[in-house]
Amino acid sequence: MNKPLLLIEDSPSLQLTYEAALNKAGYHVQSCEAGTEGLAKFDELRPQIVLLDLMSPDRRGIEFMREI
C-alpha cells in the first residue's frame, strides 16, 4: 500500500536520505525544497502526512503548519 507523504526539506542530502527511508517504508514521497512550493504541492495533493523542515528558505515550518 502506497501512503502519500509530502516532504519539505531544503537540504538536498537530507531530502535524498529521507526519501530513501520513507520509500522503503512504503510511502509515496513527493518532495519540495521550500515552503511556498510545498504549499502549492499540498493544495494539489492533499496528503495526510507532511514532514517539514522547521527553517525552510522562504518560511518557517510553524507558519506552514498554520497555513495548511
N, C-alpha and C. Protein backbone atom coordinates (compact mmCIF):
# COMPACT_ATOMS: atom_id res chain seq x y z
N MET A 1 0.85 -1.18 0.00
CA MET A 1 0.00 0.00 0.00
C MET A 1 0.89 1.24 0.00
N ASN A 2 0.70 2.12 -0.96
CA ASN A 2 1.45 3.37 -1.03
C ASN A 2 0.76 4.44 -0.20
N LYS A 3 1.45 4.96 0.78
CA LYS A 3 0.90 6.00 1.63
C LYS A 3 1.48 7.34 1.18
N PRO A 4 0.64 8.31 0.77
CA PRO A 4 1.17 9.59 0.30
C PRO A 4 1.77 10.43 1.43
N LEU A 5 2.89 11.07 1.13
CA LEU A 5 3.58 11.88 2.11
C LEU A 5 4.25 13.04 1.40
N LEU A 6 4.11 14.24 1.93
CA LEU A 6 4.78 15.42 1.40
C LEU A 6 5.97 15.74 2.29
N LEU A 7 7.15 15.81 1.68
CA LEU A 7 8.39 16.11 2.38
C LEU A 7 8.87 17.49 1.94
N ILE A 8 9.10 18.38 2.90
CA ILE A 8 9.63 19.71 2.60
C ILE A 8 10.96 19.82 3.34
N GLU A 9 12.05 19.81 2.56
CA GLU A 9 13.40 19.82 3.12
C GLU A 9 14.32 20.54 2.14
N ASP A 10 15.03 21.57 2.59
CA ASP A 10 15.87 22.36 1.69
C ASP A 10 17.28 21.80 1.52
N SER A 11 17.68 20.87 2.32
CA SER A 11 19.00 20.25 2.19
C SER A 11 18.89 19.05 1.24
N PRO A 12 19.54 19.11 0.07
CA PRO A 12 19.44 18.00 -0.89
C PRO A 12 19.86 16.65 -0.32
N SER A 13 20.91 16.62 0.48
CA SER A 13 21.37 15.35 1.03
C SER A 13 20.37 14.77 2.03
N LEU A 14 19.80 15.61 2.87
CA LEU A 14 18.77 15.13 3.80
C LEU A 14 17.52 14.70 3.05
N GLN A 15 17.16 15.46 2.01
CA GLN A 15 15.98 15.12 1.22
C GLN A 15 16.13 13.71 0.63
N LEU A 16 17.30 13.43 0.05
CA LEU A 16 17.54 12.11 -0.53
C LEU A 16 17.51 11.01 0.53
N THR A 17 18.10 11.29 1.69
CA THR A 17 18.11 10.31 2.78
C THR A 17 16.70 10.01 3.26
N TYR A 18 15.92 11.05 3.51
CA TYR A 18 14.54 10.86 3.96
C TYR A 18 13.70 10.14 2.91
N GLU A 19 13.86 10.54 1.64
CA GLU A 19 13.10 9.90 0.57
C GLU A 19 13.39 8.40 0.52
N ALA A 20 14.65 8.03 0.58
CA ALA A 20 15.03 6.62 0.51
C ALA A 20 14.41 5.82 1.66
N ALA A 21 14.54 6.35 2.87
CA ALA A 21 13.99 5.64 4.04
C ALA A 21 12.47 5.56 3.98
N LEU A 22 11.83 6.64 3.59
CA LEU A 22 10.36 6.66 3.55
C LEU A 22 9.82 5.80 2.42
N ASN A 23 10.48 5.82 1.26
CA ASN A 23 10.06 4.94 0.17
C ASN A 23 10.19 3.48 0.56
N LYS A 24 11.28 3.16 1.23
CA LYS A 24 11.49 1.78 1.70
C LYS A 24 10.42 1.36 2.69
N ALA A 25 9.91 2.31 3.46
CA ALA A 25 8.86 2.03 4.45
C ALA A 25 7.46 1.99 3.82
N GLY A 26 7.38 2.22 2.50
CA GLY A 26 6.10 2.10 1.82
C GLY A 26 5.37 3.40 1.54
N TYR A 27 6.03 4.52 1.74
CA TYR A 27 5.40 5.81 1.48
C TYR A 27 5.68 6.25 0.04
N HIS A 28 4.73 6.93 -0.55
CA HIS A 28 4.91 7.57 -1.85
C HIS A 28 5.27 9.03 -1.54
N VAL A 29 6.55 9.37 -1.70
CA VAL A 29 7.07 10.67 -1.26
C VAL A 29 7.06 11.68 -2.41
N GLN A 30 6.49 12.84 -2.15
CA GLN A 30 6.59 14.00 -3.03
C GLN A 30 7.43 15.02 -2.27
N SER A 31 8.52 15.48 -2.87
CA SER A 31 9.45 16.37 -2.18
C SER A 31 9.44 17.78 -2.75
N CYS A 32 9.69 18.74 -1.86
CA CYS A 32 9.84 20.15 -2.22
C CYS A 32 10.99 20.71 -1.40
N GLU A 33 11.59 21.80 -1.91
CA GLU A 33 12.72 22.41 -1.20
C GLU A 33 12.33 23.60 -0.35
N ALA A 34 11.15 24.18 -0.58
CA ALA A 34 10.79 25.39 0.15
C ALA A 34 9.29 25.39 0.48
N GLY A 35 8.94 26.24 1.43
CA GLY A 35 7.57 26.29 1.92
C GLY A 35 6.54 26.73 0.89
N THR A 36 6.89 27.70 0.04
CA THR A 36 5.94 28.16 -0.97
C THR A 36 5.62 27.05 -1.96
N GLU A 37 6.66 26.38 -2.43
CA GLU A 37 6.48 25.24 -3.33
C GLU A 37 5.71 24.13 -2.62
N GLY A 38 6.03 23.91 -1.36
CA GLY A 38 5.35 22.89 -0.56
C GLY A 38 3.88 23.18 -0.37
N LEU A 39 3.54 24.44 -0.18
CA LEU A 39 2.14 24.82 -0.01
C LEU A 39 1.34 24.55 -1.29
N ALA A 40 1.93 24.86 -2.44
CA ALA A 40 1.27 24.58 -3.71
C ALA A 40 1.10 23.07 -3.90
N LYS A 41 2.14 22.31 -3.56
CA LYS A 41 2.08 20.85 -3.69
C LYS A 41 1.06 20.27 -2.71
N PHE A 42 0.97 20.85 -1.51
CA PHE A 42 -0.03 20.39 -0.54
C PHE A 42 -1.44 20.61 -1.09
N ASP A 43 -1.68 21.78 -1.65
CA ASP A 43 -3.00 22.08 -2.21
C ASP A 43 -3.34 21.12 -3.35
N GLU A 44 -2.34 20.75 -4.13
CA GLU A 44 -2.54 19.84 -5.26
C GLU A 44 -2.80 18.40 -4.80
N LEU A 45 -1.99 17.91 -3.87
CA LEU A 45 -2.01 16.51 -3.47
C LEU A 45 -2.93 16.19 -2.30
N ARG A 46 -3.08 17.15 -1.39
CA ARG A 46 -3.82 16.96 -0.14
C ARG A 46 -3.37 15.69 0.61
N PRO A 47 -2.06 15.58 0.89
CA PRO A 47 -1.54 14.40 1.58
C PRO A 47 -2.01 14.38 3.04
N GLN A 48 -2.08 13.20 3.60
CA GLN A 48 -2.45 13.07 5.01
C GLN A 48 -1.24 13.27 5.92
N ILE A 49 -0.04 13.13 5.36
CA ILE A 49 1.18 13.25 6.15
C ILE A 49 2.10 14.30 5.51
N VAL A 50 2.62 15.22 6.34
CA VAL A 50 3.58 16.22 5.89
C VAL A 50 4.76 16.19 6.85
N LEU A 51 5.94 16.02 6.28
CA LEU A 51 7.18 16.07 7.06
C LEU A 51 7.91 17.31 6.59
N LEU A 52 8.12 18.27 7.49
CA LEU A 52 8.69 19.52 7.02
C LEU A 52 9.84 20.02 7.88
N ASP A 53 10.70 20.73 7.19
CA ASP A 53 11.84 21.39 7.81
C ASP A 53 11.30 22.60 8.57
N LEU A 54 11.76 22.82 9.77
CA LEU A 54 11.27 23.95 10.55
C LEU A 54 11.80 25.28 10.05
N MET A 55 12.92 25.26 9.33
CA MET A 55 13.50 26.51 8.82
C MET A 55 13.78 26.37 7.33
N SER A 56 12.77 26.52 6.50
CA SER A 56 12.99 26.49 5.06
C SER A 56 13.41 27.89 4.59
N PRO A 57 13.93 28.01 3.37
CA PRO A 57 14.45 29.30 2.91
C PRO A 57 13.42 30.43 2.88
N ASP A 58 12.17 30.13 2.63
CA ASP A 58 11.19 31.20 2.44
C ASP A 58 10.13 31.32 3.52
N ARG A 59 10.02 30.35 4.40
CA ARG A 59 9.08 30.48 5.52
C ARG A 59 9.38 29.42 6.58
N ARG A 60 9.02 29.76 7.79
CA ARG A 60 9.25 28.83 8.91
C ARG A 60 8.20 27.73 8.89
N GLY A 61 8.59 26.57 9.40
CA GLY A 61 7.69 25.43 9.43
C GLY A 61 6.40 25.70 10.18
N ILE A 62 6.47 26.46 11.27
CA ILE A 62 5.28 26.77 12.06
C ILE A 62 4.29 27.60 11.24
N GLU A 63 4.80 28.50 10.39
CA GLU A 63 3.93 29.28 9.51
C GLU A 63 3.26 28.37 8.50
N PHE A 64 4.02 27.44 7.97
CA PHE A 64 3.47 26.47 7.01
C PHE A 64 2.35 25.67 7.66
N MET A 65 2.57 25.20 8.88
CA MET A 65 1.55 24.40 9.57
C MET A 65 0.27 25.21 9.77
N ARG A 66 0.40 26.48 10.10
CA ARG A 66 -0.78 27.32 10.26
C ARG A 66 -1.56 27.46 8.96
N GLU A 67 -0.82 27.56 7.85
CA GLU A 67 -1.46 27.75 6.55
C GLU A 67 -2.21 26.52 6.07
N ILE A 68 -1.69 25.35 6.41
CA ILE A 68 -2.38 24.15 5.96
C ILE A 68 -3.45 23.74 6.94
